[in-house]
Amino acid sequence: MIDVKIGDCREVLKTIPDKSVNCVVTSPPYYGLRDYGTAKWVGGNPECDHVANPKATKKMGNPEFNENRPSREETKTAGYYQDICPKCGAVRVDKQIGLEQTPEEYVNNLVEVFREVKRVLRDDGTLWLNLGDSYWGGKGQSGSGNPEEQKARNEDGQSLNKAYHQIAGDKLTRPTDRKHQIIKPKDLIGIPWRVAFALQADGWYLRQDIIWQKNNPMPESVRDRCTKAHEYVFLLSKSQKYYYDNEAIKEECQQSTSSRYKYGFGGDKNKELRGEGIRVPMVGSREYSEKRNKRSVWQVNTKPYKGAHFATFPNALIEPCILAGTSEHGVCSECGVPFERVTEVIGQVKQKWGTTERPDCRPGNENGNGDKGIRTGMINVKNTVGWEPSCTCNASIVHATVLDPFGGSGTVGEVCIRYNRNAILIELNPEYEQLIRKRLSNVQSVLVM
């Protein structure tokens, strides 16, 4: 079941019961990069266009009018006034997150959101937070946007994209164009870590920073730094102990490791791969490939979305978050505790790691382990044999629930449908509700419970 809720997440979250969500996967609007067109004018003349004269400067007109009149640089070409329309006195009200006056205000707003998220998240739940960074512009430009994500790719998208630019678009002055007492033009703001440390200070456990490595990053016209090709995914939790299914997201080992299974106890090549007394057994005559714990650098290409949302994250990025953060088998319908995976060890493999060039390597031994800085260890090969409850309720099983307080185009909902999870999506812009429902209408599950 996918529950789409339209409204400000800070208000909508208050309607969700305490500790009712198993996992949170989300990507808030990045600071200072784009306007999603949710602003409204309050008061003044309803027929006023609230558009500044692109040729006007603060030197033109009478002093009273100029007091709130933005400069030509601030308004861009035919841009809207930022806060107050000097023509009619209307006030621009915008509840969206991402266009705050300062990074500090942006961070505080996110802390407020995730404080409420923390309330609705179970004590054994996790928060997976994707955030990108921004550069301080200073010359009418904000840095590190993704233009390809802002292009509509079908007729519906084109019409909404046009409306988007009519409402706001990049004609608005962005927060990073303003002055800051510490951050200078061209400074990398460090938004992801500012948010992560603020959440840590607010009581969250900051468990890991994961690097989203993009092999197809958007080219940037810069010559004094590298092209940006990564973002962050932070893993946070409410408690020291939480649900995390590492078996669900294990990676394939290197081919050299997998090839060891082709040899029995007496194979010549196997002798070179093991020390004295170490065996690399097989299960009967069946070959199997070893898997390793998932690393903290995820190579995921960006993917276009044929819709009008301008900042979608790819399915492959959030699939590991949902698979590790929720139980594939489901949760107890009475208390919400996730079912735990039951595994058995079906073999072991010896793994080598290290380098042959370490000058500070430990002395070698008779097996050759360590004389060149190489270490060895045994890895258990596991197989899932079933699932067991973590409670004594003896109640029925229901799907785990995933929350995305910044629903956007509904990527989290799509992945949840594919992997038999429930989802709650909160989106501020009512125009995106149609996009979400259209996207989710034809999604099929890949798992059968």
Protein backbone atom coordinates (compact mmCIF):
# COMPACT_ATOMS: atom_id res chain seq x y z
CA MET A 1 0.00 0.00 0.00
CA ILE A 2 1.31 3.44 -0.98
CA ASP A 3 -0.14 6.37 0.96
CA VAL A 4 0.47 9.73 -0.76
CA LYS A 5 -0.03 12.75 1.48
CA ILE A 6 0.08 16.30 0.10
CA GLY A 7 1.21 19.11 2.37
CA ASP A 8 4.09 20.52 4.37
CA CYS A 9 5.90 17.52 5.86
CA ARG A 10 6.33 19.38 9.14
CA GLU A 11 2.56 19.46 9.49
CA VAL A 12 1.70 16.12 7.86
CA LEU A 13 4.17 14.21 10.04
CA LYS A 14 2.20 15.29 13.11
CA THR A 15 -0.71 13.16 11.88
CA ILE A 16 1.36 9.96 11.77
CA PRO A 17 1.34 7.83 14.97
CA ASP A 18 4.43 7.40 17.16
CA LYS A 19 6.83 4.59 16.26
CA SER A 20 4.72 3.41 13.32
CA VAL A 21 7.40 3.51 10.60
CA ASN A 22 10.11 0.89 10.13
CA CYS A 23 12.51 2.85 7.94
CA VAL A 24 12.94 6.31 6.42
CA VAL A 25 14.57 6.86 3.02
CA THR A 26 14.59 10.39 1.67
CA SER A 27 16.38 13.11 -0.24
CA PRO A 28 15.39 16.63 0.88
CA PRO A 29 15.61 19.56 -1.55
CA TYR A 30 19.24 20.58 -1.80
CA TYR A 31 20.12 23.99 -0.48
CA GLY A 32 19.92 26.88 -2.90
CA LEU A 33 19.73 24.86 -6.12
CA ARG A 34 16.17 25.01 -7.39
CA ASP A 35 12.71 26.36 -6.73
CA TYR A 36 9.81 23.90 -6.95
CA GLY A 37 7.20 26.58 -7.55
CA THR A 38 5.22 26.33 -4.32
CA ALA A 39 5.25 30.04 -3.39
CA LYS A 40 2.02 32.01 -2.99
CA TRP A 41 1.36 35.74 -2.77
CA VAL A 42 -0.70 36.86 0.20
CA GLY A 43 -2.47 40.21 0.34
CA GLY A 44 -1.96 43.10 -2.04
CA ASN A 45 -3.65 43.30 -5.42
CA PRO A 46 -4.70 39.86 -6.76
CA GLU A 47 -4.32 41.13 -10.33
CA CYS A 48 -0.74 42.32 -9.83
CA ASP A 49 1.90 40.21 -11.62
CA HIS A 50 4.49 40.87 -8.87
CA VAL A 51 7.17 40.96 -11.57
CA ALA A 52 10.05 43.40 -11.36
CA ASN A 53 11.01 45.57 -14.31
CA PRO A 54 14.12 43.86 -15.70
CA LYS A 55 15.54 47.23 -16.76
CA ALA A 56 14.94 48.89 -13.42
CA THR A 57 17.67 49.80 -10.96
CA LYS A 58 17.44 51.16 -7.44
CA LYS A 59 18.31 54.59 -8.76
CA MET A 60 15.06 54.83 -10.70
CA GLY A 61 11.73 55.86 -9.22
CA ASN A 62 10.94 57.48 -5.91
CA PRO A 63 12.74 56.55 -2.65
CA GLU A 64 9.63 54.97 -1.12
CA PHE A 65 9.27 52.61 -4.05
CA ASN A 66 12.98 51.82 -4.13
CA GLU A 67 13.13 50.82 -0.49
CA ASN A 68 11.98 47.25 -1.23
CA ARG A 69 12.84 47.17 -4.91
CA PRO A 70 15.49 44.58 -5.78
CA SER A 71 18.34 45.54 -8.03
CA ARG A 72 18.61 44.36 -11.62
CA GLU A 73 21.13 41.71 -10.61
CA GLU A 74 18.89 40.42 -7.84
CA THR A 75 15.79 39.99 -9.97
CA LYS A 76 17.46 38.49 -13.08
CA THR A 77 15.40 38.68 -16.25
CA ALA A 78 11.71 39.37 -15.60
CA GLY A 79 12.03 37.72 -12.20
CA TYR A 80 9.53 37.85 -9.37
CA TYR A 81 10.15 39.86 -6.26
CA GLN A 82 11.59 37.75 -3.47
CA ASP A 83 9.68 38.72 -0.35
CA ILE A 84 7.49 41.79 -0.82
CA CYS A 85 5.97 43.15 -4.02
CA PRO A 86 6.59 46.93 -3.91
CA LYS A 87 3.86 47.44 -6.51
CA CYS A 88 0.97 46.24 -4.36
CA GLY A 89 2.44 45.25 -0.99
CA ALA A 90 1.74 41.51 -1.35
CA VAL A 91 3.94 39.18 0.70
CA ARG A 92 5.51 36.09 -0.88
CA VAL A 93 4.93 33.05 1.36
CA ASP A 94 6.83 29.85 0.61
CA LYS A 95 6.95 26.79 2.86
CA GLN A 96 9.40 24.81 0.77
CA ILE A 97 12.76 23.84 2.23
CA GLY A 98 15.89 24.71 0.27
CA LEU A 99 15.51 28.44 -0.38
CA GLU A 100 16.27 29.69 3.12
CA GLN A 101 18.23 32.91 3.55
CA THR A 102 21.22 31.13 5.12
CA PRO A 103 22.62 27.59 5.36
CA GLU A 104 22.08 27.76 9.11
CA GLU A 105 18.35 28.33 8.61
CA TYR A 106 18.22 25.43 6.14
CA VAL A 107 19.95 23.10 8.61
CA ASN A 108 17.62 24.16 11.43
CA ASN A 109 14.58 23.45 9.28
CA LEU A 110 15.84 19.97 8.44
CA VAL A 111 16.56 19.27 12.10
CA GLU A 112 12.97 20.26 12.84
CA VAL A 113 11.69 17.88 10.16
CA PHE A 114 13.79 14.95 11.29
CA ARG A 115 12.93 15.53 14.93
CA GLU A 116 9.35 14.72 13.96
CA VAL A 117 10.60 11.86 11.77
CA LYS A 118 12.36 10.47 14.80
CA ARG A 119 9.08 10.39 16.68
CA VAL A 120 7.27 8.34 14.03
CA LEU A 121 10.23 6.00 13.46
CA ARG A 122 10.45 2.82 15.50
CA ASP A 123 13.30 2.53 18.00
CA ASP A 124 14.85 -0.20 15.83
CA GLY A 125 14.42 1.85 12.64
CA THR A 126 16.96 3.61 10.47
CA LEU A 127 17.11 6.85 8.48
CA TRP A 128 18.87 6.89 5.09
CA LEU A 129 19.47 10.49 4.08
CA ASN A 130 20.74 11.50 0.63
CA LEU A 131 22.16 15.03 0.36
CA GLY A 132 24.25 16.88 -2.19
CA ASP A 133 26.38 19.96 -1.63
CA SER A 134 26.18 23.50 -2.95
CA TYR A 135 28.61 26.28 -3.75
CA TRP A 136 28.14 29.83 -2.59
CA GLY A 137 27.50 31.82 -5.75
CA GLY A 138 27.94 35.50 -5.11
CA LYS A 139 27.49 36.43 -8.78
CA GLY A 140 23.92 35.47 -9.43
CA GLN A 141 24.69 31.79 -9.79
CA SER A 142 24.43 28.79 -7.50
CA GLY A 143 26.73 25.90 -8.11
CA SER A 144 26.54 22.17 -8.69
CA GLY A 145 22.98 21.90 -9.97
CA ASN A 146 22.02 19.05 -12.28
CA PRO A 147 20.57 20.59 -15.45
CA GLU A 148 19.68 17.23 -16.96
CA GLU A 149 17.35 16.58 -14.04
CA GLN A 150 15.50 19.82 -14.77
CA LYS A 151 14.53 18.93 -18.34
CA ALA A 152 11.07 17.56 -18.93
CA ARG A 153 11.11 14.51 -21.19
CA ASN A 154 7.51 14.12 -22.31
CA GLU A 155 4.51 16.27 -23.10
CA ASP A 156 3.19 16.29 -19.54
CA GLY A 157 6.61 17.18 -18.28
CA GLN A 158 7.07 19.98 -20.80
CA SER A 159 3.83 21.64 -19.81
CA LEU A 160 4.66 21.42 -16.13
CA ASN A 161 8.22 22.51 -16.77
CA LYS A 162 6.90 25.61 -18.53
CA ALA A 163 4.56 26.32 -15.63
CA TYR A 164 7.43 25.79 -13.23
CA HIS A 165 9.52 28.49 -14.89
CA GLN A 166 6.52 30.80 -15.07
CA ILE A 167 6.00 30.42 -11.34
CA ALA A 168 9.62 30.73 -10.30
CA GLY A 169 12.38 28.75 -11.96
CA ASP A 170 15.93 29.96 -12.14
CA LYS A 171 14.74 33.54 -12.62
CA LEU A 172 14.50 33.88 -8.88
CA THR A 173 17.46 34.99 -6.87
CA ARG A 174 18.72 31.98 -4.99
CA PRO A 175 19.94 32.08 -1.40
CA THR A 176 23.54 31.42 -2.44
CA ASP A 177 23.63 34.75 -4.26
CA ARG A 178 23.41 36.67 -0.99
CA LYS A 179 26.17 37.69 1.38
CA HIS A 180 27.25 35.55 4.32
CA GLN A 181 29.39 36.54 7.29
CA ILE A 182 31.64 33.46 6.94
CA ILE A 183 31.03 31.72 3.62
CA LYS A 184 32.65 33.45 0.66
CA PRO A 185 31.78 33.37 -3.04
CA LYS A 186 33.01 30.07 -4.59
CA ASP A 187 33.12 28.39 -1.16
CA LEU A 188 31.83 24.83 -0.93
CA ILE A 189 29.20 25.18 1.78
CA GLY A 190 29.51 21.66 3.20
CA ILE A 191 25.75 21.22 3.52
CA PRO A 192 25.68 17.40 3.93
CA TRP A 193 28.04 17.38 6.88
CA ARG A 194 26.46 20.45 8.47
CA VAL A 195 23.14 18.59 8.44
CA ALA A 196 24.68 15.30 9.61
CA PHE A 197 26.43 16.90 12.58
CA ALA A 198 23.30 18.87 13.48
CA LEU A 199 21.24 15.66 13.51
CA GLN A 200 23.92 13.98 15.59
CA ALA A 201 23.75 16.83 18.08
CA ASP A 202 19.96 16.45 18.14
CA GLY A 203 20.24 12.85 19.34
CA TRP A 204 20.57 10.75 16.18
CA TYR A 205 23.30 8.13 15.90
CA LEU A 206 25.42 8.98 12.86
CA ARG A 207 26.36 5.45 11.83
CA GLN A 208 27.95 5.88 8.43
CA ASP A 209 28.63 8.15 5.50
CA ILE A 210 28.11 6.39 2.18
CA ILE A 211 29.54 7.81 -1.03
CA TRP A 212 27.25 7.80 -4.05
CA GLN A 213 29.77 7.61 -6.88
CA LYS A 214 28.35 8.73 -10.22
CA ASN A 215 30.13 7.27 -13.22
CA ASN A 216 28.13 9.55 -15.52
CA PRO A 217 28.26 12.92 -13.74
CA MET A 218 27.00 16.04 -15.41
CA PRO A 219 29.90 17.96 -17.00
CA GLU A 220 30.73 21.25 -15.33
CA SER A 221 32.33 24.28 -16.95
CA VAL A 222 34.98 24.68 -14.25
CA ARG A 223 38.75 24.84 -14.60
CA ASP A 224 39.86 25.43 -11.04
CA ARG A 225 38.45 22.27 -9.41
CA CYS A 226 37.41 18.72 -10.27
CA THR A 227 34.03 17.86 -11.72
CA LYS A 228 31.62 16.85 -8.98
CA ALA A 229 30.89 13.12 -9.27
CA HIS A 230 29.60 12.11 -5.85
CA GLU A 231 26.98 12.77 -3.21
CA TYR A 232 26.39 11.47 0.30
CA VAL A 233 23.97 8.98 1.79
CA PHE A 234 24.03 9.08 5.59
CA LEU A 235 22.87 6.13 7.67
CA LEU A 236 21.41 7.32 10.98
CA SER A 237 19.55 5.49 13.73
CA LYS A 238 17.55 6.24 16.86
CA SER A 239 19.29 3.60 18.98
CA GLN A 240 22.59 1.81 19.31
CA LYS A 241 20.92 -1.40 18.15
CA TYR A 242 18.64 -1.35 15.15
CA TYR A 243 17.38 -3.56 12.35
CA TYR A 244 19.91 -3.99 9.56
CA ASP A 245 19.81 -6.91 7.14
CA ASN A 246 23.36 -7.04 5.78
CA GLU A 247 22.67 -10.34 4.02
CA ALA A 248 20.10 -8.64 1.78
CA ILE A 249 22.63 -6.29 0.20
CA LYS A 250 25.83 -8.31 0.10
CA GLU A 251 28.03 -7.87 -2.96
CA GLU A 252 29.69 -10.41 -5.18
CA CYS A 253 33.30 -11.10 -4.25
CA GLN A 254 36.16 -10.64 -6.67
CA GLN A 255 36.51 -13.31 -9.32
CA SER A 256 39.73 -14.54 -7.74
CA THR A 257 37.83 -15.32 -4.55
CA SER A 258 34.94 -17.03 -6.30
CA SER A 259 37.31 -19.18 -8.36
CA ARG A 260 38.63 -20.86 -5.20
CA TYR A 261 35.47 -22.94 -5.05
CA LYS A 262 36.51 -24.79 -8.18
CA TYR A 263 39.18 -26.68 -6.25
CA GLY A 264 38.79 -29.30 -3.54
CA PHE A 265 40.95 -29.90 -0.54
CA GLY A 266 43.90 -31.13 -2.58
CA GLY A 267 43.87 -28.84 -5.62
CA ASP A 268 47.26 -27.46 -6.56
CA LYS A 269 45.99 -23.91 -6.99
CA ASN A 270 44.15 -24.18 -3.70
CA LYS A 271 47.42 -24.90 -1.90
CA GLU A 272 48.70 -21.51 -2.95
CA LEU A 273 45.61 -19.80 -1.58
CA ARG A 274 45.57 -21.26 1.90
CA GLY A 275 47.90 -21.56 4.84
CA GLU A 276 48.64 -24.78 6.61
CA GLY A 277 45.53 -26.34 8.13
CA ILE A 278 43.07 -23.99 6.36
CA ARG A 279 40.49 -25.60 4.12
CA VAL A 280 38.20 -24.16 1.45
CA PRO A 281 35.36 -26.69 1.39
CA MET A 282 32.61 -27.18 -1.15
CA VAL A 283 29.05 -28.31 -0.51
CA GLY A 284 28.96 -31.68 -2.26
CA SER A 285 29.78 -31.07 -5.88
CA ARG A 286 27.83 -27.80 -6.09
CA GLU A 287 29.71 -24.59 -6.84
CA TYR A 288 28.63 -21.35 -5.28
CA SER A 289 29.95 -17.80 -5.36
CA GLU A 290 30.96 -16.05 -2.17
CA LYS A 291 29.50 -12.67 -1.25
CA ARG A 292 31.04 -9.95 0.85
CA ASN A 293 29.64 -7.23 3.08
CA LYS A 294 28.57 -4.20 1.04
CA ARG A 295 31.17 -1.46 0.85
CA SER A 296 30.54 2.19 1.65
CA VAL A 297 31.11 3.47 -1.90
CA TRP A 298 28.12 2.80 -4.14
CA GLN A 299 28.64 3.16 -7.87
CA VAL A 300 25.23 4.14 -9.23
CA ASN A 301 24.65 5.98 -12.50
CA THR A 302 22.13 8.79 -12.63
CA LYS A 303 18.98 7.88 -14.53
CA PRO A 304 16.61 10.16 -16.45
CA TYR A 305 13.01 10.27 -15.34
CA LYS A 306 10.36 10.83 -17.99
CA GLY A 307 8.40 13.30 -15.97
CA ALA A 308 8.55 16.86 -14.76
CA HIS A 309 10.18 16.44 -11.39
CA PHE A 310 13.59 18.04 -11.38
CA ALA A 311 15.60 16.11 -8.81
CA THR A 312 14.97 12.37 -8.86
CA PHE A 313 17.37 9.91 -7.31
CA PRO A 314 17.80 6.56 -9.12
CA ASN A 315 16.09 3.39 -7.95
CA ALA A 316 19.41 1.58 -7.64
CA LEU A 317 20.56 4.09 -5.03
CA ILE A 318 17.69 3.52 -2.63
CA GLU A 319 17.12 -0.20 -3.17
CA PRO A 320 19.96 -1.15 -0.76
CA CYS A 321 18.59 1.29 1.82
CA ILE A 322 15.14 -0.30 1.77
CA LEU A 323 16.41 -3.89 1.55
CA ALA A 324 18.80 -3.44 4.48
CA GLY A 325 16.52 -1.21 6.52
CA THR A 326 13.39 -3.37 6.39
CA SER A 327 12.61 -7.06 6.67
CA GLU A 328 11.89 -8.85 3.41
CA HIS A 329 9.58 -11.22 5.27
CA GLY A 330 7.60 -8.44 6.95
CA VAL A 331 6.80 -7.30 10.47
CA CYS A 332 4.48 -8.31 13.29
CA SER A 333 1.04 -6.81 12.73
CA GLU A 334 0.59 -6.22 16.46
CA CYS A 335 3.87 -4.77 17.70
CA GLY A 336 5.64 -3.94 14.41
CA VAL A 337 8.84 -5.85 15.20
CA PRO A 338 10.59 -7.02 12.00
CA PHE A 339 11.16 -10.70 11.27
CA GLU A 340 14.81 -11.73 11.44
CA ARG A 341 16.61 -13.69 8.75
CA VAL A 342 17.74 -17.20 9.78
CA THR A 343 20.95 -18.35 8.09
CA GLU A 344 23.22 -21.36 8.19
CA VAL A 345 26.90 -21.56 7.32
CA ILE A 346 27.41 -23.73 4.25
CA GLY A 347 31.13 -23.18 3.84
CA GLN A 348 34.09 -20.93 4.38
CA VAL A 349 36.51 -19.17 2.10
CA LYS A 350 39.89 -17.68 2.81
CA GLN A 351 40.23 -14.04 1.81
CA LYS A 352 43.39 -12.04 1.32
CA TRP A 353 43.63 -8.28 1.68
CA GLY A 354 46.40 -5.73 2.00
CA THR A 355 49.25 -4.61 -0.23
CA THR A 356 52.62 -5.94 -1.23
CA GLU A 357 54.20 -2.49 -0.96
CA ARG A 358 53.66 -1.69 2.71
CA PRO A 359 56.92 -0.54 4.30
CA ASP A 360 55.54 -1.09 7.81
CA CYS A 361 54.41 -4.69 7.25
CA ARG A 362 54.66 -7.27 9.98
CA PRO A 363 57.26 -10.06 9.81
CA GLY A 364 56.41 -13.00 7.60
CA ASN A 365 55.70 -16.52 8.82
CA GLU A 366 56.20 -19.97 7.35
CA ASN A 367 52.99 -19.69 5.33
CA GLY A 368 53.99 -16.40 3.77
CA ASN A 369 51.17 -14.53 5.51
CA GLY A 370 52.27 -11.00 6.21
CA ASP A 371 55.84 -10.89 4.94
CA LYS A 372 54.59 -8.50 2.27
CA GLY A 373 51.87 -6.80 4.26
CA ILE A 374 49.15 -9.24 3.18
CA ARG A 375 46.65 -10.53 5.73
CA THR A 376 44.29 -13.44 5.48
CA GLY A 377 41.03 -14.38 7.14
CA MET A 378 38.10 -16.75 6.87
CA ILE A 379 34.65 -15.65 5.66
CA ASN A 380 31.56 -17.70 6.34
CA VAL A 381 29.37 -18.50 3.35
CA LYS A 382 25.75 -18.30 4.53
CA ASN A 383 22.46 -19.42 3.12
CA THR A 384 19.02 -18.19 4.23
CA VAL A 385 16.93 -21.05 5.56
CA GLY A 386 13.97 -19.10 6.92
CA TRP A 387 12.67 -16.23 9.02
CA GLU A 388 11.77 -15.97 12.69
CA PRO A 389 9.83 -13.40 14.72
CA SER A 390 11.61 -11.19 17.23
CA CYS A 391 8.55 -11.08 19.45
CA THR A 392 6.11 -13.48 21.10
CA CYS A 393 2.90 -11.92 19.78
CA ASN A 394 2.14 -14.81 17.42
CA ALA A 395 0.24 -12.33 15.25
CA SER A 396 -0.10 -12.13 11.49
CA ILE A 397 2.62 -10.73 9.24
CA VAL A 398 2.31 -7.42 7.38
CA HIS A 399 4.64 -5.51 5.09
CA ALA A 400 7.19 -3.16 6.61
CA THR A 401 6.50 0.57 6.18
CA VAL A 402 8.95 3.02 4.62
CA LEU A 403 8.53 6.79 4.96
CA ASP A 404 9.75 9.48 2.56
CA PRO A 405 8.89 12.96 3.91
CA PHE A 406 10.07 14.53 0.62
CA GLY A 407 8.19 12.29 -1.80
CA GLY A 408 9.05 14.12 -5.02
CA SER A 409 8.33 11.91 -8.03
CA GLY A 410 7.68 8.81 -5.90
CA THR A 411 10.91 6.85 -6.36
CA VAL A 412 10.71 5.40 -2.86
CA GLY A 413 7.13 4.31 -3.53
CA GLU A 414 8.14 2.54 -6.74
CA VAL A 415 10.92 0.58 -5.03
CA CYS A 416 8.60 -0.31 -2.14
CA ILE A 417 6.04 -1.77 -4.54
CA ARG A 418 8.73 -3.82 -6.29
CA TYR A 419 9.95 -5.27 -3.00
CA ASN A 420 6.64 -5.68 -1.14
CA ARG A 421 6.91 -2.82 1.32
CA ASN A 422 4.32 -0.24 2.32
CA ALA A 423 5.21 3.41 1.87
CA ILE A 424 4.11 6.82 3.09
CA LEU A 425 5.07 9.63 0.71
CA ILE A 426 4.69 13.27 1.73
CA GLU A 427 4.95 15.93 -0.97
CA LEU A 428 4.47 19.68 -0.65
CA ASN A 429 3.60 20.43 -4.28
CA PRO A 430 0.11 19.16 -5.16
CA GLU A 431 1.04 19.04 -8.86
CA TYR A 432 3.39 16.13 -8.16
CA GLU A 433 0.61 13.92 -6.82
CA GLN A 434 -0.48 13.12 -10.36
CA LEU A 435 3.11 12.33 -11.33
CA ILE A 436 3.49 9.96 -8.40
CA ARG A 437 0.25 8.08 -9.00
CA LYS A 438 0.94 7.76 -12.72
CA ARG A 439 4.41 6.43 -12.02
CA LEU A 440 3.26 3.86 -9.50
CA SER A 441 0.22 2.63 -11.44
CA ASN A 442 2.09 0.04 -13.53
CA VAL A 443 4.82 -1.05 -11.11
CA GLN A 444 4.95 -4.80 -10.49
CA SER A 445 6.36 -6.60 -7.45
CA VAL A 446 9.52 -8.66 -7.90
CA LEU A 447 9.11 -10.52 -4.61
CA VAL A 448 6.48 -13.04 -3.56
CA MET A 449 5.88 -13.44 0.17
